[in-house]
Protein backbone atom coordinates (compact mmCIF):
# COMPACT_ATOMS: atom_id res chain seq x y z
CA MET A 1 0.00 0.00 0.00
CA ASP A 2 1.45 3.34 -0.98
CA TRP A 3 1.25 6.43 1.21
CA GLN A 4 -1.36 8.18 -0.95
CA SER A 5 -3.91 5.39 -0.64
CA LEU A 6 -3.14 5.15 3.08
CA LEU A 7 -3.68 8.89 3.45
CA ALA A 8 -6.90 8.71 1.41
CA SER A 9 -8.23 6.02 3.72
CA VAL A 10 -7.21 7.76 6.98
CA LEU A 11 -8.12 11.40 6.26
CA PRO A 12 -11.89 10.84 5.95
CA MET A 13 -11.87 9.43 9.50
CA LEU A 14 -10.29 12.62 10.90
CA PRO A 15 -12.49 15.52 11.91
CA ALA A 16 -11.99 18.53 9.62
CA GLN A 17 -10.46 20.60 12.42
CA TYR A 18 -7.69 18.04 13.02
CA ALA A 19 -7.06 17.53 9.32
CA GLY A 20 -6.70 21.28 8.89
CA ASP A 21 -4.32 21.47 11.84
CA LEU A 22 -2.29 18.58 10.43
CA VAL A 23 -1.97 20.31 7.07
CA THR A 24 -1.01 23.59 8.74
CA VAL A 25 1.70 21.96 10.87
CA GLY A 26 3.00 20.00 7.88
CA THR A 27 3.16 23.13 5.75
CA PHE A 28 5.01 24.96 8.51
CA LEU A 29 7.56 22.14 8.85
CA VAL A 30 8.27 22.08 5.12
CA ALA A 31 8.66 25.87 5.04
CA LEU A 32 10.92 25.86 8.10
CA CYS A 33 13.12 23.13 6.62
CA ALA A 34 13.30 25.04 3.32
CA LEU A 35 14.47 28.13 5.18
CA LEU A 36 17.03 26.13 7.17
CA ALA A 37 18.27 24.39 4.02
CA ARG A 38 18.76 27.75 2.32
CA PHE A 39 21.27 28.98 4.89
CA TRP A 40 22.80 25.77 6.31
CA PRO A 41 26.03 24.77 4.52
CA ARG A 42 26.81 21.10 4.11
CA PRO A 43 28.61 19.65 7.16
CA ALA A 44 31.91 17.84 6.71
CA GLU A 45 31.74 14.17 5.73
CA GLY A 46 31.55 11.97 8.80
CA SER A 47 30.02 14.74 10.90
CA ARG A 48 27.26 13.69 13.27
CA TRP A 49 25.15 16.55 11.83
CA MET A 50 25.05 14.93 8.39
CA LYS A 51 21.95 12.82 9.14
CA LEU A 52 20.01 15.84 10.39
CA TYR A 53 21.20 17.86 7.40
CA ALA A 54 19.98 15.14 5.02
CA LEU A 55 16.62 14.97 6.82
CA VAL A 56 16.15 18.75 6.65
CA ASN A 57 17.00 18.76 2.94
CA SER A 58 14.62 15.91 2.18
CA VAL A 59 11.72 17.50 4.11
CA ALA A 60 12.48 20.81 2.38
CA GLN A 61 12.35 19.00 -0.97
CA ASN A 62 15.72 20.57 -1.73
CA LYS A 63 16.74 18.37 -4.64
CA GLY A 64 18.31 20.62 -7.26
CA HIS A 65 16.26 23.76 -6.62
CA ALA A 66 17.81 25.74 -3.76
CA THR A 67 20.97 27.79 -3.53
CA ASN A 68 22.78 24.92 -1.84
CA ALA A 69 21.29 22.38 -4.27
CA SER A 70 24.75 21.09 -5.13
CA ASP A 71 25.03 20.16 -1.45
CA SER A 72 21.82 18.18 -1.25
CA ASP A 73 22.66 15.57 -3.85
CA GLY A 74 25.93 14.61 -2.18
CA LYS A 75 28.29 16.54 -4.44
CA PRO A 76 30.39 19.23 -2.77
CA ALA A 77 29.89 22.75 -4.14
């Protein structure tokens, strides 16, 4: 089962207020990660921050579109 069909089966069971809150929080998280990804330079290889950096870039959907896009695909700038 893919995530879209799972979401389509779960969302109708949520009250509209909670679904709206969920969308608002999700939108805020994506926007916050996009802002962080814009200004956060790639950490050095082997750094313990690399996993968090990769998570922020994936939530921000920063694959080839942001200023540090060369960072997000694993190639140094």
